[in-house]
């Protein structure tokens, strides 16, 4: 019997975009192309190069014309770039939630979500949010993810007391200097029975034979448990 492939919504990291993330994960994606289709989207907020330290430099950068592949985007603005708002949310966060709602409606259905770095943090939050909906994600894949604790408005989420029940696979780099392993480990505590793949590298989705095997086994198990994908995932 033929079973439909899984559809995975992919969220890139801070100062990346969907095109770049697709290229950086091409080896991994192709290794499971018989199991899943990866759908990459670009965050709605343009982010100036972090090396620009003054408002004048940032304003000038926003006027520059650069290719879509090299454009820097984020799901919210880092607190060092734009301070957390008085209501406790990062600047841009709520707009990104609305953007994802549109993606789910217009490009869905999606069986699961994959997020890297800031996108991993966002994917973790979205995964918990979806558990309260009629059609939650069937799985979540978090790469170098963390709990965004500086956004105090969502600190009631991703807690050890109320764990996320959605099956999850977490990739953790022991030499990651952008998101420290301690922060990734802290996020693990918010998930019920998470699958974990640790590697000796840094801030990226590993494409080693061992990591590809782990991902393939995880997705195969999801397919076996859920069968054909036919639900429209909505927020």
C-alpha atoms as a PDB file:
ATOM      1  CA  UNK A   1       0.000   0.000   0.000  1.00  0.00           C
ATOM      2  CA  UNK A   2       1.315   3.412  -0.930  1.00  0.00           C
ATOM      3  CA  UNK A   3       1.680   5.892   1.922  1.00  0.00           C
ATOM      4  CA  UNK A   4       1.875   9.647   1.368  1.00  0.00           C
ATOM      5  CA  UNK A   5       5.113  11.349   2.291  1.00  0.00           C
ATOM      6  CA  UNK A   6       5.286  13.574   5.335  1.00  0.00           C
ATOM      7  CA  UNK A   7       5.284  17.333   4.802  1.00  0.00           C
ATOM      8  CA  UNK A   8       7.622  19.298   7.056  1.00  0.00           C
ATOM      9  CA  UNK A   9       7.504  23.058   7.615  1.00  0.00           C
ATOM     10  CA  UNK A  10      11.086  24.331   7.944  1.00  0.00           C
ATOM     11  CA  UNK A  11      12.070  27.455   9.889  1.00  0.00           C
ATOM     12  CA  UNK A  12      15.533  28.938   9.402  1.00  0.00           C
ATOM     13  CA  UNK A  13      17.773  30.620  11.951  1.00  0.00           C
ATOM     14  CA  UNK A  14      18.371  34.287  12.755  1.00  0.00           C
ATOM     15  CA  UNK A  15      19.871  36.302   9.846  1.00  0.00           C
ATOM     16  CA  UNK A  16      19.128  33.450   7.414  1.00  0.00           C
ATOM     17  CA  UNK A  17      16.296  32.833   4.953  1.00  0.00           C
ATOM     18  CA  UNK A  18      14.422  29.903   3.469  1.00  0.00           C
ATOM     19  CA  UNK A  19      16.606  29.634   0.364  1.00  0.00           C
ATOM     20  CA  UNK A  20      19.852  29.578   2.324  1.00  0.00           C
ATOM     21  CA  UNK A  21      18.494  27.100   4.874  1.00  0.00           C
ATOM     22  CA  UNK A  22      17.359  24.830   2.060  1.00  0.00           C
ATOM     23  CA  UNK A  23      20.859  24.795   0.604  1.00  0.00           C
ATOM     24  CA  UNK A  24      22.530  24.221   3.971  1.00  0.00           C
ATOM     25  CA  UNK A  25      20.310  21.220   4.679  1.00  0.00           C
ATOM     26  CA  UNK A  26      20.279  19.737   1.166  1.00  0.00           C
ATOM     27  CA  UNK A  27      22.302  16.624   2.048  1.00  0.00           C
ATOM     28  CA  UNK A  28      20.024  15.768   4.952  1.00  0.00           C
ATOM     29  CA  UNK A  29      16.894  16.545   2.960  1.00  0.00           C
ATOM     30  CA  UNK A  30      17.896  14.321   0.059  1.00  0.00           C
ATOM     31  CA  UNK A  31      18.686  11.457   2.432  1.00  0.00           C
ATOM     32  CA  UNK A  32      15.015  11.217   3.435  1.00  0.00           C
ATOM     33  CA  UNK A  33      13.365  12.385   0.222  1.00  0.00           C
ATOM     34  CA  UNK A  34      11.495   9.086   0.005  1.00  0.00           C
ATOM     35  CA  UNK A  35       9.870   9.816   3.362  1.00  0.00           C
ATOM     36  CA  UNK A  36       9.283  13.557   3.485  1.00  0.00           C
ATOM     37  CA  UNK A  37       8.942  16.803   1.575  1.00  0.00           C
ATOM     38  CA  UNK A  38      10.558  19.848   3.179  1.00  0.00           C
ATOM     39  CA  UNK A  39       8.824  23.205   2.749  1.00  0.00           C
ATOM     40  CA  UNK A  40      11.069  26.192   3.529  1.00  0.00           C
ATOM     41  CA  UNK A  41       9.644  29.615   4.360  1.00  0.00           C
ATOM     42  CA  UNK A  42      11.373  32.920   5.056  1.00  0.00           C
ATOM     43  CA  UNK A  43      10.646  34.920   8.206  1.00  0.00           C
ATOM     44  CA  UNK A  44       8.798  38.213   7.672  1.00  0.00           C
ATOM     45  CA  UNK A  45      11.325  40.515   9.355  1.00  0.00           C
ATOM     46  CA  UNK A  46      14.391  41.879   7.600  1.00  0.00           C
ATOM     47  CA  UNK A  47      17.414  41.911   9.905  1.00  0.00           C
ATOM     48  CA  UNK A  48      20.371  44.225   9.354  1.00  0.00           C
ATOM     49  CA  UNK A  49      23.858  42.737   9.472  1.00  0.00           C
ATOM     50  CA  UNK A  50      24.805  42.325  13.171  1.00  0.00           C
ATOM     51  CA  UNK A  51      28.143  44.008  12.404  1.00  0.00           C
ATOM     52  CA  UNK A  52      26.248  47.273  11.910  1.00  0.00           C
ATOM     53  CA  UNK A  53      26.295  48.727  15.398  1.00  0.00           C
ATOM     54  CA  UNK A  54      24.697  52.142  14.830  1.00  0.00           C
ATOM     55  CA  UNK A  55      21.162  53.127  13.829  1.00  0.00           C
ATOM     56  CA  UNK A  56      22.548  55.030  10.821  1.00  0.00           C
ATOM     57  CA  UNK A  57      24.319  51.935   9.514  1.00  0.00           C
ATOM     58  CA  UNK A  58      21.215  49.814   9.966  1.00  0.00           C
ATOM     59  CA  UNK A  59      18.964  52.314   8.204  1.00  0.00           C
ATOM     60  CA  UNK A  60      21.381  52.487   5.287  1.00  0.00           C
ATOM     61  CA  UNK A  61      21.549  48.689   5.109  1.00  0.00           C
ATOM     62  CA  UNK A  62      17.764  48.416   4.907  1.00  0.00           C
ATOM     63  CA  UNK A  63      17.858  50.497   1.713  1.00  0.00           C
ATOM     64  CA  UNK A  64      20.462  48.309   0.032  1.00  0.00           C
ATOM     65  CA  UNK A  65      19.312  45.996  -2.744  1.00  0.00           C
ATOM     66  CA  UNK A  66      20.535  42.463  -2.151  1.00  0.00           C
ATOM     67  CA  UNK A  67      19.528  39.126  -3.593  1.00  0.00           C
ATOM     68  CA  UNK A  68      16.797  37.135  -1.881  1.00  0.00           C
ATOM     69  CA  UNK A  69      19.273  34.368  -1.086  1.00  0.00           C
ATOM     70  CA  UNK A  70      21.569  36.733   0.821  1.00  0.00           C
ATOM     71  CA  UNK A  71      18.853  38.730   2.589  1.00  0.00           C
ATOM     72  CA  UNK A  72      18.890  38.369   6.383  1.00  0.00           C
ATOM     73  CA  UNK A  73      15.614  37.618   8.129  1.00  0.00           C
ATOM     74  CA  UNK A  74      14.417  36.719  11.593  1.00  0.00           C
ATOM     75  CA  UNK A  75      11.295  35.499  13.366  1.00  0.00           C
ATOM     76  CA  UNK A  76      11.762  38.313  15.879  1.00  0.00           C
ATOM     77  CA  UNK A  77      14.371  40.971  16.559  1.00  0.00           C
ATOM     78  CA  UNK A  78      17.095  40.065  19.027  1.00  0.00           C
ATOM     79  CA  UNK A  79      16.750  42.072  22.266  1.00  0.00           C
ATOM     80  CA  UNK A  80      20.139  43.668  21.633  1.00  0.00           C
ATOM     81  CA  UNK A  81      18.806  44.989  18.316  1.00  0.00           C
ATOM     82  CA  UNK A  82      15.344  46.058  19.466  1.00  0.00           C
ATOM     83  CA  UNK A  83      14.432  45.890  23.192  1.00  0.00           C
ATOM     84  CA  UNK A  84      11.677  43.587  24.430  1.00  0.00           C
ATOM     85  CA  UNK A  85       8.319  45.375  24.320  1.00  0.00           C
ATOM     86  CA  UNK A  86       6.497  46.493  27.479  1.00  0.00           C
ATOM     87  CA  UNK A  87       4.026  43.602  27.075  1.00  0.00           C
ATOM     88  CA  UNK A  88       6.892  41.128  27.395  1.00  0.00           C
ATOM     89  CA  UNK A  89       7.059  40.041  23.746  1.00  0.00           C
ATOM     90  CA  UNK A  90      10.011  40.327  21.376  1.00  0.00           C
ATOM     91  CA  UNK A  91       9.526  42.888  18.641  1.00  0.00           C
ATOM     92  CA  UNK A  92       8.205  40.960  15.650  1.00  0.00           C
ATOM     93  CA  UNK A  93       7.178  37.770  17.468  1.00  0.00           C
ATOM     94  CA  UNK A  94       3.411  38.236  17.298  1.00  0.00           C
ATOM     95  CA  UNK A  95       3.623  39.203  13.636  1.00  0.00           C
ATOM     96  CA  UNK A  96       5.532  35.989  12.927  1.00  0.00           C
ATOM     97  CA  UNK A  97       2.847  33.921  14.650  1.00  0.00           C
ATOM     98  CA  UNK A  98       0.263  35.499  12.356  1.00  0.00           C
ATOM     99  CA  UNK A  99       2.541  34.882   9.375  1.00  0.00           C
ATOM    100  CA  UNK A 100       2.804  31.180  10.252  1.00  0.00           C
ATOM    101  CA  UNK A 101      -0.967  30.991  10.602  1.00  0.00           C
ATOM    102  CA  UNK A 102      -1.160  32.156   7.001  1.00  0.00           C
ATOM    103  CA  UNK A 103       1.458  29.637   5.878  1.00  0.00           C
ATOM    104  CA  UNK A 104      -0.440  26.772   7.530  1.00  0.00           C
ATOM    105  CA  UNK A 105      -3.666  27.866   5.861  1.00  0.00           C
ATOM    106  CA  UNK A 106      -2.257  28.590   2.407  1.00  0.00           C
ATOM    107  CA  UNK A 107       0.519  26.004   2.064  1.00  0.00           C
ATOM    108  CA  UNK A 108      -0.639  23.233   4.395  1.00  0.00           C
ATOM    109  CA  UNK A 109      -1.281  20.567   5.388  1.00  0.00           C
ATOM    110  CA  UNK A 110       1.942  19.975   7.348  1.00  0.00           C
ATOM    111  CA  UNK A 111       2.619  16.879   9.387  1.00  0.00           C
ATOM    112  CA  UNK A 112       5.527  18.287  11.348  1.00  0.00           C
ATOM    113  CA  UNK A 113       7.882  21.175  11.866  1.00  0.00           C
ATOM    114  CA  UNK A 114      11.660  21.561  11.789  1.00  0.00           C
ATOM    115  CA  UNK A 115      13.442  24.578  13.205  1.00  0.00           C
ATOM    116  CA  UNK A 116      17.049  25.693  13.489  1.00  0.00           C
ATOM    117  CA  UNK A 117      18.443  28.022  16.187  1.00  0.00           C
ATOM    118  CA  UNK A 118      15.972  30.918  16.527  1.00  0.00           C
ATOM    119  CA  UNK A 119      13.726  28.910  14.214  1.00  0.00           C
ATOM    120  CA  UNK A 120      14.161  25.988  16.614  1.00  0.00           C
ATOM    121  CA  UNK A 121      13.024  28.111  19.535  1.00  0.00           C
ATOM    122  CA  UNK A 122      10.037  29.278  17.481  1.00  0.00           C
ATOM    123  CA  UNK A 123       9.260  25.718  16.350  1.00  0.00           C
ATOM    124  CA  UNK A 124       9.229  24.556  19.980  1.00  0.00           C
ATOM    125  CA  UNK A 125       6.750  27.283  20.944  1.00  0.00           C
ATOM    126  CA  UNK A 126       4.579  26.576  17.896  1.00  0.00           C
ATOM    127  CA  UNK A 127       4.598  22.862  18.673  1.00  0.00           C
ATOM    128  CA  UNK A 128       3.180  23.505  22.142  1.00  0.00           C
ATOM    129  CA  UNK A 129       0.664  26.000  20.781  1.00  0.00           C
ATOM    130  CA  UNK A 130      -0.542  23.445  18.219  1.00  0.00           C
ATOM    131  CA  UNK A 131      -1.247  20.878  20.917  1.00  0.00           C
ATOM    132  CA  UNK A 132      -4.273  22.958  21.863  1.00  0.00           C
ATOM    133  CA  UNK A 133      -5.610  22.876  18.291  1.00  0.00           C
ATOM    134  CA  UNK A 134      -7.765  20.279  16.577  1.00  0.00           C
ATOM    135  CA  UNK A 135      -4.914  19.076  14.362  1.00  0.00           C
ATOM    136  CA  UNK A 136      -1.575  19.366  16.208  1.00  0.00           C
ATOM    137  CA  UNK A 137       1.776  18.633  14.624  1.00  0.00           C
ATOM    138  CA  UNK A 138       2.577  14.927  14.591  1.00  0.00           C
ATOM    139  CA  UNK A 139       6.235  15.622  15.340  1.00  0.00           C
ATOM    140  CA  UNK A 140       8.805  18.345  15.913  1.00  0.00           C
ATOM    141  CA  UNK A 141      12.498  18.412  14.938  1.00  0.00           C
ATOM    142  CA  UNK A 142      14.594  20.936  16.862  1.00  0.00           C
ATOM    143  CA  UNK A 143      18.151  21.777  15.797  1.00  0.00           C
ATOM    144  CA  UNK A 144      20.204  23.927  18.186  1.00  0.00           C
ATOM    145  CA  UNK A 145      16.984  25.098  19.785  1.00  0.00           C
ATOM    146  CA  UNK A 146      16.493  26.930  23.066  1.00  0.00           C
ATOM    147  CA  UNK A 147      13.781  28.397  25.257  1.00  0.00           C
ATOM    148  CA  UNK A 148      13.628  32.167  24.573  1.00  0.00           C
ATOM    149  CA  UNK A 149      13.523  33.131  28.242  1.00  0.00           C
ATOM    150  CA  UNK A 150      14.049  36.846  27.596  1.00  0.00           C
ATOM    151  CA  UNK A 151      10.529  36.886  26.115  1.00  0.00           C
ATOM    152  CA  UNK A 152       8.820  36.869  29.488  1.00  0.00           C
ATOM    153  CA  UNK A 153       5.334  36.768  27.962  1.00  0.00           C
ATOM    154  CA  UNK A 154       5.856  33.145  26.880  1.00  0.00           C
ATOM    155  CA  UNK A 155       7.800  31.861  29.882  1.00  0.00           C
ATOM    156  CA  UNK A 156       4.707  29.962  31.029  1.00  0.00           C
ATOM    157  CA  UNK A 157       5.311  27.723  28.015  1.00  0.00           C
ATOM    158  CA  UNK A 158       7.984  25.033  27.539  1.00  0.00           C
ATOM    159  CA  UNK A 159       8.176  24.140  31.217  1.00  0.00           C
ATOM    160  CA  UNK A 160       9.130  20.960  33.055  1.00  0.00           C
ATOM    161  CA  UNK A 161       5.783  21.038  34.854  1.00  0.00           C
ATOM    162  CA  UNK A 162       3.691  20.930  31.653  1.00  0.00           C
ATOM    163  CA  UNK A 163       5.713  19.021  29.103  1.00  0.00           C
ATOM    164  CA  UNK A 164       5.125  19.108  25.343  1.00  0.00           C
ATOM    165  CA  UNK A 165       3.738  15.700  24.389  1.00  0.00           C
ATOM    166  CA  UNK A 166       4.387  15.900  20.632  1.00  0.00           C
ATOM    167  CA  UNK A 167       7.112  13.412  19.576  1.00  0.00           C
ATOM    168  CA  UNK A 168      10.362  15.304  19.093  1.00  0.00           C
ATOM    169  CA  UNK A 169      13.905  14.824  17.833  1.00  0.00           C
ATOM    170  CA  UNK A 170      16.609  17.208  19.046  1.00  0.00           C
ATOM    171  CA  UNK A 171      20.040  17.740  17.465  1.00  0.00           C
ATOM    172  CA  UNK A 172      22.618  19.102  19.907  1.00  0.00           C
ATOM    173  CA  UNK A 173      26.170  20.118  19.009  1.00  0.00           C
ATOM    174  CA  UNK A 174      28.603  19.766  21.890  1.00  0.00           C
ATOM    175  CA  UNK A 175      30.865  22.464  20.403  1.00  0.00           C
ATOM    176  CA  UNK A 176      28.099  24.946  19.607  1.00  0.00           C
ATOM    177  CA  UNK A 177      29.172  28.426  20.715  1.00  0.00           C
ATOM    178  CA  UNK A 178      26.090  30.278  19.407  1.00  0.00           C
ATOM    179  CA  UNK A 179      23.536  28.294  21.400  1.00  0.00           C
ATOM    180  CA  UNK A 180      25.329  26.665  24.303  1.00  0.00           C
ATOM    181  CA  UNK A 181      24.561  22.976  24.978  1.00  0.00           C
ATOM    182  CA  UNK A 182      23.224  23.900  28.428  1.00  0.00           C
ATOM    183  CA  UNK A 183      20.458  25.945  26.781  1.00  0.00           C
ATOM    184  CA  UNK A 184      19.623  23.119  24.375  1.00  0.00           C
ATOM    185  CA  UNK A 185      19.537  20.652  27.255  1.00  0.00           C
ATOM    186  CA  UNK A 186      17.200  22.955  29.175  1.00  0.00           C
ATOM    187  CA  UNK A 187      14.757  22.877  26.250  1.00  0.00           C
ATOM    188  CA  UNK A 188      14.819  19.075  26.301  1.00  0.00           C
ATOM    189  CA  UNK A 189      13.285  19.153  29.778  1.00  0.00           C
ATOM    190  CA  UNK A 190      10.142  20.742  28.337  1.00  0.00           C
ATOM    191  CA  UNK A 191       9.460  17.743  26.061  1.00  0.00           C
ATOM    192  CA  UNK A 192       8.070  14.354  27.033  1.00  0.00           C
ATOM    193  CA  UNK A 193      10.439  11.513  26.078  1.00  0.00           C
ATOM    194  CA  UNK A 194      12.456  13.481  23.489  1.00  0.00           C
ATOM    195  CA  UNK A 195      14.715  11.678  21.033  1.00  0.00           C
ATOM    196  CA  UNK A 196      18.231  13.155  21.186  1.00  0.00           C
ATOM    197  CA  UNK A 197      21.113  13.107  18.724  1.00  0.00           C
ATOM    198  CA  UNK A 198      24.329  14.607  20.077  1.00  0.00           C
ATOM    199  CA  UNK A 199      27.253  15.354  17.802  1.00  0.00           C
ATOM    200  CA  UNK A 200      30.754  16.718  18.249  1.00  0.00           C
ATOM    201  CA  UNK A 201      30.204  19.665  15.910  1.00  0.00           C
ATOM    202  CA  UNK A 202      28.893  23.187  16.261  1.00  0.00           C
ATOM    203  CA  UNK A 203      25.923  25.277  15.162  1.00  0.00           C
ATOM    204  CA  UNK A 204      24.373  23.317  12.298  1.00  0.00           C
ATOM    205  CA  UNK A 205      22.245  20.324  11.332  1.00  0.00           C
ATOM    206  CA  UNK A 206      24.776  17.501  10.992  1.00  0.00           C
ATOM    207  CA  UNK A 207      24.782  15.470   7.768  1.00  0.00           C
ATOM    208  CA  UNK A 208      26.926  12.552   8.939  1.00  0.00           C
ATOM    209  CA  UNK A 209      25.748   8.999   8.181  1.00  0.00           C
ATOM    210  CA  UNK A 210      24.828   8.548  11.842  1.00  0.00           C
ATOM    211  CA  UNK A 211      22.683  11.705  11.992  1.00  0.00           C
ATOM    212  CA  UNK A 212      20.960  10.881   8.710  1.00  0.00           C
ATOM    213  CA  UNK A 213      20.215   7.390  10.015  1.00  0.00           C
ATOM    214  CA  UNK A 214      18.710   8.852  13.201  1.00  0.00           C
ATOM    215  CA  UNK A 215      16.477  11.226  11.245  1.00  0.00           C
ATOM    216  CA  UNK A 216      15.361   8.488   8.873  1.00  0.00           C
ATOM    217  CA  UNK A 217      14.468   6.175  11.752  1.00  0.00           C
ATOM    218  CA  UNK A 218      12.518   8.957  13.474  1.00  0.00           C
ATOM    219  CA  UNK A 219      10.490   9.833  10.358  1.00  0.00           C
ATOM    220  CA  UNK A 220       9.901   6.165   9.517  1.00  0.00           C
ATOM    221  CA  UNK A 221       8.464   5.649  12.981  1.00  0.00           C
ATOM    222  CA  UNK A 222       6.195   8.671  12.572  1.00  0.00           C
ATOM    223  CA  UNK A 223       4.900   7.308   9.265  1.00  0.00           C
ATOM    224  CA  UNK A 224       4.273   3.885  10.751  1.00  0.00           C
ATOM    225  CA  UNK A 225       2.374   5.370  13.667  1.00  0.00           C
ATOM    226  CA  UNK A 226       0.285   7.826  11.678  1.00  0.00           C
ATOM    227  CA  UNK A 227      -0.050   6.410   8.172  1.00  0.00           C
ATOM    228  CA  UNK A 228      -1.234   8.652   5.350  1.00  0.00           C
ATOM    229  CA  UNK A 229      -1.152  12.406   5.938  1.00  0.00           C
ATOM    230  CA  UNK A 230      -4.561  13.951   5.400  1.00  0.00           C
ATOM    231  CA  UNK A 231      -5.139  16.582   8.068  1.00  0.00           C
ATOM    232  CA  UNK A 232      -4.929  20.340   7.582  1.00  0.00           C
ATOM    233  CA  UNK A 233      -2.759  21.755  10.354  1.00  0.00           C
ATOM    234  CA  UNK A 234      -3.982  25.166  11.523  1.00  0.00           C
ATOM    235  CA  UNK A 235      -3.285  27.529  14.384  1.00  0.00           C
END
